[in-house]
Amino acid sequence: MTASASIPCHITRAKIYGNANAMRLLVHIMLMMAEEDAAHSGDEDREAGVLVRSTHDLGAMLRWNRGKVVRGLDALRNADAIKTRAVPGGTEIKCLYYVRQVAQK
């Protein structure tokens, strides 16, 4: 299966757009969400745009230290791009810009 994520053009007007690290983290998170959606396409009751990962794992994927990930998540949360909460196994990240892709036939 192929995974893709749409990034709305109005994101360029968001106050977070000037923060390159936060935008890189946001795009990375959205791509991971799209990949999970593609892998679990049969689970219709899954909420779109939600990802559970530890900040350490996100840092390892991006080759960042944990502090840089935490600062990026804080910047995205302050800009109303994501909502986060602690859950067993890491941090639940809900991306407010994410839209589930519709399968094309």
Protein backbone atom coordinates (compact mmCIF):
# COMPACT_ATOMS: atom_id res chain seq x y z
CA MET A 1 0.00 0.00 0.00
CA THR A 2 1.08 3.55 -0.62
CA ALA A 3 0.92 6.22 2.02
CA SER A 4 0.59 9.93 1.40
CA ALA A 5 -0.22 13.01 3.42
CA SER A 6 -1.78 16.27 2.28
CA ILE A 7 -0.40 19.48 3.67
CA PRO A 8 -2.84 22.39 3.38
CA CYS A 9 -1.46 25.49 1.74
CA HIS A 10 -2.87 27.71 4.50
CA ILE A 11 -0.17 26.27 6.79
CA THR A 12 2.18 28.88 5.31
CA ARG A 13 0.12 31.50 7.15
CA ALA A 14 0.41 29.68 10.47
CA LYS A 15 2.59 31.36 13.09
CA ILE A 16 4.71 28.20 13.39
CA TYR A 17 5.73 28.21 9.70
CA GLY A 18 8.91 30.19 10.36
CA ASN A 19 10.23 27.55 12.79
CA ALA A 20 12.05 25.10 10.50
CA ASN A 21 12.55 22.42 13.16
CA ALA A 22 8.90 22.46 14.22
CA MET A 23 7.73 22.27 10.60
CA ARG A 24 10.10 19.38 9.88
CA LEU A 25 8.73 17.57 12.94
CA LEU A 26 5.13 18.27 11.87
CA VAL A 27 5.69 16.92 8.36
CA HIS A 28 7.49 13.87 9.76
CA ILE A 29 4.60 13.18 12.16
CA MET A 30 2.03 13.57 9.37
CA LEU A 31 3.93 11.13 7.14
CA MET A 32 4.10 8.60 9.98
CA MET A 33 0.33 8.98 10.50
CA ALA A 34 -0.30 8.40 6.78
CA GLU A 35 1.89 5.31 6.87
CA GLU A 36 -0.06 3.91 9.83
CA ASP A 37 -3.38 4.72 8.12
CA ALA A 38 -2.25 2.83 5.02
CA ALA A 39 -1.15 -0.16 7.08
CA HIS A 40 -4.41 -0.29 9.04
CA SER A 41 -6.86 0.65 6.29
CA GLY A 42 -9.37 -1.98 7.46
CA ASP A 43 -9.73 -0.44 10.93
CA GLU A 44 -12.41 2.15 10.25
CA ASP A 45 -12.90 2.93 13.96
CA ARG A 46 -9.32 4.25 14.31
CA GLU A 47 -9.15 7.98 14.72
CA ALA A 48 -7.29 9.69 11.89
CA GLY A 49 -4.36 11.88 12.74
CA VAL A 50 -3.40 10.23 16.02
CA LEU A 51 0.04 8.77 16.65
CA VAL A 52 1.58 7.30 19.80
CA ARG A 53 5.37 7.50 20.00
CA SER A 54 7.97 8.21 22.64
CA THR A 55 9.97 11.40 22.28
CA HIS A 56 13.11 9.27 22.36
CA ASP A 57 11.90 7.25 19.32
CA LEU A 58 10.98 10.42 17.42
CA GLY A 59 14.41 11.83 18.19
CA ALA A 60 16.13 8.67 16.96
CA MET A 61 14.17 8.75 13.68
CA LEU A 62 15.05 12.40 13.06
CA ARG A 63 18.57 12.11 14.50
CA TRP A 64 17.69 14.74 17.06
CA ASN A 65 18.20 14.70 20.82
CA ARG A 66 15.12 14.30 23.00
CA GLY A 67 15.21 17.97 24.07
CA LYS A 68 14.95 19.17 20.48
CA VAL A 69 11.90 16.94 19.95
CA VAL A 70 10.26 18.22 23.13
CA ARG A 71 10.89 21.84 22.08
CA GLY A 72 9.43 21.09 18.63
CA LEU A 73 6.33 19.46 20.13
CA ASP A 74 5.92 22.43 22.51
CA ALA A 75 6.15 24.89 19.61
CA LEU A 76 3.58 22.90 17.61
CA ARG A 77 1.26 22.64 20.61
CA ASN A 78 1.55 26.39 21.30
CA ALA A 79 0.71 27.10 17.64
CA ASP A 80 -2.41 24.88 17.84
CA ALA A 81 -1.03 22.46 15.24
CA ILE A 82 -1.12 19.43 17.55
CA LYS A 83 -2.57 18.25 20.85
CA THR A 84 -0.58 15.91 23.05
CA ARG A 85 -1.17 13.82 26.14
CA ALA A 86 0.82 11.20 28.00
CA VAL A 87 -0.33 7.61 27.47
CA PRO A 88 1.24 4.25 28.26
CA GLY A 89 3.99 3.70 25.71
CA GLY A 90 4.76 7.32 24.99
CA THR A 91 3.00 10.49 23.94
CA GLU A 92 -0.26 10.55 22.02
CA ILE A 93 0.01 13.19 19.31
CA LYS A 94 -3.10 14.40 17.50
CA CYS A 95 -2.32 16.48 14.43
CA LEU A 96 -4.98 19.11 13.78
CA TYR A 97 -3.81 19.55 10.16
CA TYR A 98 -4.03 15.84 9.28
CA VAL A 99 -6.79 14.61 6.96
CA ARG A 100 -7.23 10.91 6.28
CA GLN A 101 -6.60 10.07 2.63
CA VAL A 102 -9.48 8.57 0.68
CA ALA A 103 -8.55 5.49 -1.33
CA GLN A 104 -8.78 6.08 -5.06
CA LYS A 105 -9.99 3.28 -7.32
